[in-house]
Amino acid sequence: MLASNRITVALLCLTLWPLANANADDWGQWMGPNRDGVYRETGIINAIPESGLKVKWRMPIKSGYAGPAVADGKVFVFDYEATEGKVVNDYGSRAQLAGSERLVAFDEATGKQLWTHEYDCPYNISYPSGPRCTPTVDGDRVYILGSEGDLRCVQTEDGSLVWKKNLKNDFGAEVPMWGFASHPLIDGDLLYTMVGGKGQGIVAFDKLTGDVKWKSLDCAAGYCPPIIIEKGGARQLIAFNPTSVASLNPADGKQYWSVPIESLYEMSIVRPMLDGDFMYVCGKGNQSVMLKLDSTKPAATEVWRGRPRKSIYGANATPMFVDGMLYGADQDMGCLIAADGKDGTRLWQTFDATNPAEDRKLAHGTAFVTRMGDTNRYLIMSEVGDLLISELTREKYTPHGRFHVLEPTGTTFGRSFVWSHPAYANKTAYIRNDEEIVAVDLSK
């Protein structure tokens, strides 16, 4: 009897183990499984040796800013293949290109290309290298939002189309200067994304059919993806838009609360970040606000607002908010900054994590910061194509090695850059530029 029970338990463990690990190891959407920028997998290195890291594979791709997604043995890359026109990065004007957006699936272990989903997509946006949004994987479906507003659901198995919408044509939405960038959020049966316009700042879709379930907010789309939190005894959908950060009921879009914060050029980009009962929100133009969330009802109270050279003003990359500390690349200074969450006081800064050749103000210097579990160590992807591991504390920045993964292929303000958030899964970093995606071994 005891032997039989042991066999049953063993078989049950063997059955469930692959499923549990598949979930734990996946990076199926922007900023990871919980959209919080934390990589929780164990058995990975805590420093990069001088000899570097092993590259598992490299595969050619086309251009774009969208980070990869990894799920169920596949790596999904969203890119753009231009056929006419020239990619010119000018903040003040829109470039016109002819070409197609593509979702490409690769085998996670070997890099072999499995399938491509492609559609014609002329561009009329600034910084037109390609799509911004990381694919969002949900079971056997993957969702993409292109720069010109193409919202699509396709099968993960073969890339076949399930349904599609176009935010510009179907909703009359204005394409933002830098393209649509609100990575689709899946929760339950709904898909949420920022659309823009009167009464449709954010829209909830049926994830299976694409049917509209509700619309809410009078605002432009901006560039920030929505998130869902649980605070004040309620689930809250947080929509950071060009004029405010708003909390909505995810079921019907009704507003719980709203706090004004107006970013220059409608550049509400980075995810509002949580640390306990506090939420930090920041945008272009020295705009930031620290909020305290009520513990008994959906409500928020303003604690402080940022001032020049106070707090962190993120743009391309979201700052981390950990144990009362903010760590992130400041879009004005262009370096990695640590700031005290109590009042925004800056404690230290370094260009080592963004562009180590610089020691002066650097417009939109970028570093994508990902926490390694619940430690003080972070994986940092610099704009020059280097992957770093560094320890970040209130007192100092301590580097623990770097590895040059790929070349910076974009250009801005007279320098080259990589502006794409990596994916971390299966003890591997998946990193892309405008020419290739690279799989780098992170296992101990």
Protein backbone atom coordinates (compact mmCIF):
# COMPACT_ATOMS: atom_id res chain seq x y z
CA MET A 1 0.00 0.00 0.00
CA LEU A 2 2.77 2.43 0.92
CA ALA A 3 4.74 1.51 -2.21
CA SER A 4 1.66 2.05 -4.35
CA ASN A 5 1.12 5.50 -2.83
CA ARG A 6 4.75 6.42 -3.45
CA ILE A 7 4.45 5.38 -7.10
CA THR A 8 1.23 7.41 -7.49
CA VAL A 9 2.83 10.51 -5.96
CA ALA A 10 5.94 10.09 -8.09
CA LEU A 11 3.90 9.78 -11.28
CA LEU A 12 1.84 12.83 -10.31
CA CYS A 13 5.00 14.88 -9.70
CA LEU A 14 6.45 13.81 -13.05
CA THR A 15 3.20 14.81 -14.75
CA LEU A 16 2.97 18.23 -13.13
CA TRP A 17 6.68 19.15 -13.09
CA PRO A 18 7.00 20.17 -16.78
CA LEU A 19 3.87 22.35 -16.55
CA ALA A 20 5.07 24.14 -13.44
CA ASN A 21 8.48 24.79 -14.91
CA ALA A 22 7.07 25.90 -18.26
CA ASN A 23 5.07 28.58 -16.47
CA ALA A 24 7.96 29.61 -14.25
CA ASP A 25 10.45 29.83 -17.10
CA ASP A 26 8.31 31.72 -19.63
CA TRP A 27 8.59 35.41 -20.44
CA GLY A 28 5.39 35.69 -22.42
CA GLN A 29 4.88 39.44 -22.36
CA TRP A 30 6.52 42.82 -21.80
CA MET A 31 8.60 43.03 -18.59
CA GLY A 32 7.99 39.39 -17.72
CA PRO A 33 5.22 37.13 -16.39
CA ASN A 34 3.93 39.73 -13.92
CA ARG A 35 4.91 42.83 -15.91
CA ASP A 36 7.02 43.92 -12.95
CA GLY A 37 10.53 43.57 -14.38
CA VAL A 38 11.53 40.72 -12.06
CA TYR A 39 13.29 37.57 -13.33
CA ARG A 40 12.51 34.83 -10.79
CA GLU A 41 14.18 31.79 -12.33
CA THR A 42 16.80 30.03 -10.18
CA GLY A 43 20.08 28.44 -11.21
CA ILE A 44 21.39 31.45 -13.11
CA ILE A 45 24.71 33.26 -12.76
CA ASN A 46 25.12 36.13 -10.32
CA ALA A 47 28.12 37.63 -12.12
CA ILE A 48 29.46 37.70 -15.69
CA PRO A 49 32.97 36.24 -15.97
CA GLU A 50 35.76 38.05 -17.79
CA SER A 51 35.68 35.30 -20.41
CA GLY A 52 32.14 36.34 -21.30
CA LEU A 53 28.98 34.31 -21.83
CA LYS A 54 28.12 31.46 -24.18
CA VAL A 55 26.00 32.43 -27.18
CA LYS A 56 23.52 29.64 -27.91
CA TRP A 57 22.41 30.96 -31.30
CA ARG A 58 21.98 34.04 -33.46
CA MET A 59 19.29 34.49 -36.09
CA PRO A 60 18.71 37.33 -38.57
CA ILE A 61 15.59 39.45 -38.17
CA LYS A 62 14.32 42.80 -39.44
CA SER A 63 14.12 46.09 -37.55
CA GLY A 64 12.02 47.17 -34.59
CA TYR A 65 11.91 48.15 -30.92
CA ALA A 66 9.60 45.37 -29.70
CA GLY A 67 11.23 43.07 -27.18
CA PRO A 68 10.98 39.30 -27.69
CA ALA A 69 8.48 37.09 -25.88
CA VAL A 70 9.23 33.49 -24.90
CA ALA A 71 6.59 30.85 -24.20
CA ASP A 72 6.05 27.12 -24.65
CA GLY A 73 9.32 26.54 -26.45
CA LYS A 74 8.98 29.42 -28.89
CA VAL A 75 10.55 32.88 -29.17
CA PHE A 76 8.32 35.50 -30.76
CA VAL A 77 9.86 38.54 -32.46
CA PHE A 78 7.84 41.43 -33.93
CA ASP A 79 9.68 43.39 -36.63
CA TYR A 80 9.35 45.52 -39.78
CA GLU A 81 10.61 44.93 -43.31
CA ALA A 82 10.79 48.22 -45.23
CA THR A 83 10.53 48.10 -49.02
CA GLU A 84 10.45 51.83 -49.81
CA GLY A 85 11.56 54.98 -48.00
CA LYS A 86 14.37 55.72 -45.58
CA VAL A 87 14.51 55.27 -41.83
CA VAL A 88 15.35 58.73 -40.47
CA ASN A 89 15.05 59.33 -36.73
CA ASP A 90 13.77 62.88 -36.33
CA TYR A 91 11.75 63.73 -33.23
CA GLY A 92 9.99 66.56 -35.02
CA SER A 93 8.65 64.79 -38.10
CA ARG A 94 7.07 61.59 -39.33
CA ALA A 95 8.86 59.42 -41.87
CA GLN A 96 6.94 57.65 -44.61
CA LEU A 97 7.85 54.06 -45.44
CA ALA A 98 6.30 51.20 -47.37
CA GLY A 99 6.71 47.73 -45.97
CA SER A 100 5.24 45.04 -43.77
CA GLU A 101 5.08 44.19 -40.09
CA ARG A 102 5.97 40.60 -39.23
CA LEU A 103 5.56 38.31 -36.26
CA VAL A 104 8.23 35.62 -36.45
CA ALA A 105 8.37 32.49 -34.29
CA PHE A 106 11.67 30.73 -33.56
CA ASP A 107 12.45 27.49 -31.79
CA GLU A 108 13.60 28.47 -28.31
CA ALA A 109 16.37 25.87 -28.11
CA THR A 110 17.86 26.04 -31.61
CA GLY A 111 16.77 29.37 -33.10
CA LYS A 112 15.23 27.65 -36.10
CA GLN A 113 12.55 29.81 -37.72
CA LEU A 114 9.16 28.11 -37.42
CA TRP A 115 6.70 30.46 -39.09
CA THR A 116 6.00 34.09 -40.03
CA HIS A 117 2.77 36.08 -39.86
CA GLU A 118 3.11 39.14 -42.14
CA TYR A 119 0.85 41.93 -43.37
CA ASP A 120 1.28 45.09 -45.42
CA CYS A 121 1.76 48.18 -43.25
CA PRO A 122 2.82 51.60 -44.59
CA TYR A 123 4.43 53.76 -41.89
CA ASN A 124 3.88 57.43 -41.16
CA ILE A 125 5.55 57.81 -37.76
CA SER A 126 8.67 59.24 -36.16
CA TYR A 127 11.51 56.79 -35.39
CA PRO A 128 10.05 54.32 -37.91
CA SER A 129 12.35 51.31 -37.42
CA GLY A 130 9.47 49.03 -36.51
CA PRO A 131 6.83 47.98 -33.98
CA ARG A 132 7.16 48.93 -30.32
CA CYS A 133 5.01 46.34 -28.55
CA THR A 134 6.29 43.04 -27.22
CA PRO A 135 3.98 40.18 -28.27
CA THR A 136 1.65 38.97 -25.51
CA VAL A 137 1.28 35.18 -25.34
CA ASP A 138 -1.82 33.66 -23.78
CA GLY A 139 -2.14 29.89 -24.09
CA ASP A 140 -2.32 28.92 -27.75
CA ARG A 141 -2.70 32.51 -28.94
CA VAL A 142 -0.34 35.46 -29.27
CA TYR A 143 -1.43 39.09 -29.52
CA ILE A 144 0.40 41.94 -31.26
CA LEU A 145 -0.15 45.68 -31.63
CA GLY A 146 1.69 47.33 -34.52
CA SER A 147 2.92 50.90 -34.83
CA GLU A 148 0.02 51.95 -37.07
CA GLY A 149 -2.63 50.36 -34.83
CA ASP A 150 -2.92 46.81 -36.19
CA LEU A 151 -4.19 44.73 -33.26
CA ARG A 152 -4.06 41.03 -34.13
CA CYS A 153 -4.55 37.64 -32.54
CA VAL A 154 -2.83 34.65 -34.15
CA GLN A 155 -2.30 30.99 -33.29
CA THR A 156 1.02 30.20 -31.62
CA GLU A 157 1.20 26.88 -33.47
CA ASP A 158 1.41 28.23 -37.02
CA GLY A 159 0.78 32.00 -37.01
CA SER A 160 -2.68 31.69 -38.57
CA LEU A 161 -4.94 34.71 -38.03
CA VAL A 162 -7.75 34.42 -35.48
CA TRP A 163 -9.02 38.02 -35.53
CA LYS A 164 -7.83 41.54 -36.27
CA LYS A 165 -8.70 45.18 -35.61
CA ASN A 166 -7.12 48.44 -36.70
CA LEU A 167 -7.26 51.23 -34.13
CA LYS A 168 -6.95 53.93 -36.76
CA ASN A 169 -9.60 52.59 -39.17
CA ASP A 170 -12.03 50.92 -36.76
CA PHE A 171 -11.97 53.56 -34.00
CA GLY A 172 -10.85 56.72 -35.79
CA ALA A 173 -7.93 56.90 -33.38
CA GLU A 174 -5.01 59.21 -34.10
CA VAL A 175 -1.72 57.40 -34.57
CA PRO A 176 0.69 58.84 -31.98
CA MET A 177 3.81 60.59 -33.27
CA TRP A 178 5.95 57.59 -32.29
CA GLY A 179 3.39 54.94 -33.11
CA PHE A 180 1.12 52.84 -30.91
CA ALA A 181 3.12 51.38 -28.04
CA SER A 182 0.67 50.06 -25.42
CA HIS A 183 1.70 46.40 -25.13
CA PRO A 184 -1.59 44.42 -25.02
CA LEU A 185 -2.56 43.21 -21.55
CA ILE A 186 -4.51 39.97 -21.16
CA ASP A 187 -6.51 39.37 -17.98
CA GLY A 188 -9.16 36.69 -17.81
CA ASP A 189 -11.30 36.92 -20.94
CA LEU A 190 -10.30 40.49 -21.79
CA LEU A 191 -7.53 42.26 -23.67
CA TYR A 192 -6.76 45.87 -22.71
CA THR A 193 -4.82 48.48 -24.65
CA MET A 194 -4.66 52.26 -24.98
CA VAL A 195 -6.50 53.48 -28.11
CA GLY A 196 -7.03 57.21 -27.68
CA GLY A 197 -9.92 59.58 -28.31
CA LYS A 198 -13.08 60.81 -26.61
CA GLY A 199 -14.45 58.05 -24.42
CA GLN A 200 -11.95 55.53 -25.74
CA GLY A 201 -8.62 56.37 -24.18
CA ILE A 202 -8.52 52.71 -23.18
CA VAL A 203 -10.57 49.88 -24.67
CA ALA A 204 -11.29 46.35 -23.43
CA PHE A 205 -11.71 43.65 -26.07
CA ASP A 206 -12.93 40.08 -25.89
CA LYS A 207 -9.63 38.24 -26.28
CA LEU A 208 -11.24 35.36 -28.21
CA THR A 209 -13.18 37.39 -30.78
CA GLY A 210 -11.88 40.97 -30.72
CA ASP A 211 -15.34 42.31 -29.88
CA VAL A 212 -15.35 45.53 -27.85
CA LYS A 213 -16.56 44.97 -24.29
CA TRP A 214 -16.18 48.52 -22.97
CA LYS A 215 -14.47 51.88 -23.58
CA SER A 216 -13.32 54.47 -21.05
CA LEU A 217 -11.44 57.78 -20.57
CA ASP A 218 -11.25 60.94 -22.65
CA CYS A 219 -7.54 61.07 -23.50
CA ALA A 220 -4.92 60.48 -26.15
CA ALA A 221 -3.36 57.02 -26.31
CA GLY A 222 0.09 57.98 -25.12
CA TYR A 223 2.56 55.11 -25.03
CA CYS A 224 2.13 53.32 -21.69
CA PRO A 225 0.77 49.78 -21.34
CA PRO A 226 -2.00 49.27 -18.76
CA ILE A 227 -1.48 47.09 -15.69
CA ILE A 228 -3.75 45.46 -13.11
CA ILE A 229 -3.09 45.68 -9.37
CA GLU A 230 -4.94 44.51 -6.25
CA LYS A 231 -5.19 47.29 -3.67
CA GLY A 232 -7.87 48.72 -1.42
CA GLY A 233 -9.91 45.52 -1.55
CA ALA A 234 -10.35 45.73 -5.31
CA ARG A 235 -8.69 44.83 -8.56
CA GLN A 236 -7.68 48.07 -10.29
CA LEU A 237 -6.77 48.66 -13.93
CA ILE A 238 -4.13 51.40 -14.02
CA ALA A 239 -4.06 53.52 -17.17
CA PHE A 240 -1.26 56.09 -17.34
CA ASN A 241 -2.16 58.50 -20.14
CA PRO A 242 -0.80 61.88 -21.34
CA THR A 243 -2.83 63.88 -18.80
CA SER A 244 -3.30 61.63 -15.76
CA VAL A 245 -2.86 58.28 -14.10
CA ALA A 246 -6.29 56.71 -13.67
CA SER A 247 -7.63 53.67 -11.83
CA LEU A 248 -10.56 51.81 -13.40
CA ASN A 249 -12.71 48.79 -12.64
CA PRO A 250 -11.30 46.13 -15.04
CA ALA A 251 -14.75 44.61 -15.50
CA ASP A 252 -16.57 47.67 -16.85
CA GLY A 253 -14.10 50.58 -17.15
CA LYS A 254 -15.73 52.73 -14.47
CA GLN A 255 -13.25 55.10 -12.85
CA TYR A 256 -12.18 54.71 -9.23
CA TRP A 257 -9.72 57.62 -9.05
CA SER A 258 -7.50 59.85 -11.16
CA VAL A 259 -4.44 61.99 -10.39
CA PRO A 260 -3.25 64.60 -12.92
CA ILE A 261 0.24 64.29 -14.39
CA GLU A 262 0.92 65.77 -17.81
CA SER A 263 3.92 64.57 -19.80
CA LEU A 264 5.47 66.70 -22.53
CA TYR A 265 4.62 65.65 -26.09
CA GLU A 266 2.09 63.12 -24.69
CA MET A 267 5.07 60.97 -23.61
CA SER A 268 3.39 58.93 -20.89
CA ILE A 269 5.53 55.85 -21.48
CA VAL A 270 6.84 53.97 -18.46
CA ARG A 271 4.82 51.59 -16.33
CA PRO A 272 3.61 52.94 -12.95
CA MET A 273 5.65 50.96 -10.41
CA LEU A 274 4.52 49.63 -7.02
CA ASP A 275 6.37 49.16 -3.74
CA GLY A 276 4.01 48.15 -0.97
CA ASP A 277 1.27 50.79 -0.75
CA PHE A 278 3.18 53.29 -2.87
CA MET A 279 3.03 53.90 -6.61
CA TYR A 280 5.56 55.90 -8.61
CA VAL A 281 4.59 57.50 -11.92
CA CYS A 282 6.86 59.56 -14.17
CA GLY A 283 6.90 61.11 -17.63
CA LYS A 284 8.74 63.40 -20.00
CA GLY A 285 9.50 66.92 -18.80
CA ASN A 286 10.43 66.49 -15.13
CA GLN A 287 6.99 65.10 -14.42
CA SER A 288 6.67 62.59 -11.59
CA VAL A 289 4.35 61.86 -8.69
CA MET A 290 4.52 59.50 -5.73
CA LEU A 291 1.15 58.19 -4.63
CA LYS A 292 0.02 56.31 -1.54
CA LEU A 293 -2.75 53.82 -2.26
CA ASP A 294 -5.54 53.45 0.26
CA SER A 295 -5.66 50.03 1.96
CA THR A 296 -9.43 50.03 2.54
CA LYS A 297 -10.85 51.29 -0.76
CA PRO A 298 -9.68 52.12 -4.30
CA ALA A 299 -8.20 55.57 -3.73
CA ALA A 300 -4.85 57.36 -3.96
CA THR A 301 -3.25 60.28 -2.14
CA GLU A 302 -0.42 62.38 -3.53
CA VAL A 303 2.74 62.23 -1.39
CA TRP A 304 5.18 64.34 -3.41
CA ARG A 305 5.93 65.57 -6.91
CA GLY A 306 9.27 65.64 -8.67
CA ARG A 307 11.30 68.74 -9.38
CA PRO A 308 14.34 69.24 -11.62
CA ARG A 309 17.17 66.98 -10.43
CA LYS A 310 14.79 65.21 -8.08
CA SER A 311 13.50 61.64 -8.63
CA ILE A 312 13.84 59.84 -12.00
CA TYR A 313 12.14 60.70 -15.29
CA GLY A 314 11.99 57.56 -17.39
CA ALA A 315 11.15 57.38 -21.07
CA ASN A 316 12.43 54.37 -22.99
CA ALA A 317 12.86 52.20 -19.90
CA THR A 318 10.79 51.79 -16.72
CA PRO A 319 12.54 52.52 -13.39
CA MET A 320 12.46 49.81 -10.71
CA PHE A 321 10.90 50.61 -7.32
CA VAL A 322 12.31 48.31 -4.63
CA ASP A 323 12.39 48.64 -0.84
CA GLY A 324 11.73 52.36 -0.97
CA MET A 325 14.37 52.98 -3.65
CA LEU A 326 14.02 54.00 -7.28
CA TYR A 327 16.59 52.78 -9.83
CA GLY A 328 16.36 53.78 -13.47
CA ALA A 329 17.74 55.55 -16.51
CA ASP A 330 16.80 59.22 -16.51
CA GLN A 331 15.73 60.46 -19.96
CA ASP A 332 17.19 63.92 -19.35
CA MET A 333 20.53 63.05 -17.73
CA GLY A 334 20.97 59.80 -19.66
CA CYS A 335 22.58 57.89 -16.78
CA LEU A 336 21.38 55.31 -14.26
CA ILE A 337 20.18 57.05 -11.10
CA ALA A 338 19.25 55.89 -7.60
CA ALA A 339 16.64 58.05 -5.85
CA ASP A 340 15.04 57.85 -2.42
CA GLY A 341 11.35 57.05 -2.69
CA LYS A 342 10.56 59.17 0.38
CA ASP A 343 11.14 62.48 -1.39
CA GLY A 344 12.91 61.80 -4.72
CA THR A 345 16.39 62.81 -3.53
CA ARG A 346 19.05 61.49 -5.91
CA LEU A 347 21.72 59.47 -4.11
CA TRP A 348 24.09 58.37 -6.91
CA GLN A 349 24.36 58.16 -10.68
CA THR A 350 26.47 56.31 -13.26
CA PHE A 351 26.88 56.14 -17.03
CA ASP A 352 28.37 52.64 -16.74
CA ALA A 353 24.91 51.12 -17.15
CA THR A 354 23.76 53.23 -20.10
CA ASN A 355 26.71 54.41 -22.20
CA PRO A 356 30.08 54.06 -20.42
CA ALA A 357 31.89 56.19 -23.00
CA GLU A 358 29.90 59.19 -21.78
CA ASP A 359 30.31 61.17 -18.58
CA ARG A 360 28.04 64.05 -19.40
CA LYS A 361 24.37 64.70 -19.98
CA LEU A 362 23.08 62.26 -22.62
CA ALA A 363 19.63 62.72 -24.15
CA HIS A 364 17.55 59.59 -23.64
CA GLY A 365 20.46 57.46 -22.49
CA THR A 366 18.84 54.09 -21.87
CA ALA A 367 19.28 51.00 -19.69
CA PHE A 368 16.68 48.25 -19.26
CA VAL A 369 16.85 47.14 -15.62
CA THR A 370 15.53 43.73 -14.49
CA ARG A 371 15.68 42.54 -10.89
CA MET A 372 17.08 39.05 -10.24
CA GLY A 373 14.53 37.52 -7.89
CA ASP A 374 14.38 39.21 -4.49
CA THR A 375 18.09 40.10 -4.46
CA ASN A 376 19.89 43.42 -4.92
CA ARG A 377 21.41 42.19 -8.19
CA TYR A 378 20.05 43.28 -11.54
CA LEU A 379 20.40 42.32 -15.16
CA ILE A 380 20.94 45.52 -17.11
CA MET A 381 20.78 45.86 -20.89
CA SER A 382 22.67 48.98 -21.95
CA GLU A 383 21.95 51.01 -25.05
CA VAL A 384 25.40 50.11 -26.46
CA GLY A 385 24.55 46.39 -26.68
CA ASP A 386 26.15 45.22 -23.42
CA LEU A 387 24.45 42.90 -20.93
CA LEU A 388 25.53 43.64 -17.34
CA ILE A 389 24.96 42.23 -13.89
CA SER A 390 25.19 44.90 -11.19
CA GLU A 391 24.32 45.27 -7.54
CA LEU A 392 22.13 48.29 -6.81
CA THR A 393 21.72 49.55 -3.26
CA ARG A 394 20.98 52.82 -1.54
CA GLU A 395 24.70 53.36 -1.03
CA LYS A 396 26.22 52.50 -4.41
CA TYR A 397 26.31 50.87 -7.82
CA THR A 398 28.56 47.79 -7.94
CA PRO A 399 29.24 46.15 -11.33
CA HIS A 400 29.68 42.38 -11.56
CA GLY A 401 30.70 41.94 -15.18
CA ARG A 402 29.48 42.80 -18.66
CA PHE A 403 29.24 41.04 -22.02
CA HIS A 404 28.87 42.66 -25.42
CA VAL A 405 25.96 40.81 -27.01
CA LEU A 406 25.25 42.72 -30.22
CA GLU A 407 25.86 45.99 -32.01
CA PRO A 408 23.75 49.11 -31.47
CA THR A 409 21.98 49.60 -34.81
CA GLY A 410 19.68 52.57 -34.20
CA THR A 411 20.84 56.18 -34.27
CA THR A 412 19.78 59.23 -32.26
CA PHE A 413 21.43 62.50 -31.32
CA GLY A 414 24.60 61.47 -33.14
CA ARG A 415 25.10 58.12 -31.42
CA SER A 416 24.09 54.48 -31.94
CA PHE A 417 21.75 52.60 -29.61
CA VAL A 418 19.78 49.46 -28.80
CA TRP A 419 16.33 50.31 -27.45
CA SER A 420 14.67 46.92 -26.95
CA HIS A 421 13.84 45.19 -23.67
CA PRO A 422 15.34 41.67 -23.46
CA ALA A 423 13.40 38.55 -22.50
CA TYR A 424 14.76 36.23 -19.80
CA ALA A 425 13.60 32.62 -19.79
CA ASN A 426 14.97 29.09 -19.61
CA LYS A 427 18.22 30.39 -18.07
CA THR A 428 18.74 32.42 -21.24
CA ALA A 429 18.69 36.08 -22.26
CA TYR A 430 17.01 36.79 -25.60
CA ILE A 431 18.23 40.12 -26.97
CA ARG A 432 17.52 41.81 -30.32
CA ASN A 433 18.54 44.80 -32.39
CA ASP A 434 17.49 45.75 -35.93
CA GLU A 435 19.43 42.91 -37.53
CA GLU A 436 19.50 39.85 -35.29
CA ILE A 437 18.18 38.15 -32.19
CA VAL A 438 20.72 36.49 -29.91
CA ALA A 439 20.22 33.80 -27.27
CA VAL A 440 22.79 34.08 -24.44
CA ASP A 441 23.28 31.37 -21.80
CA LEU A 442 22.75 32.57 -18.19
CA SER A 443 22.95 29.19 -16.44
CA LYS A 444 25.41 28.63 -13.63
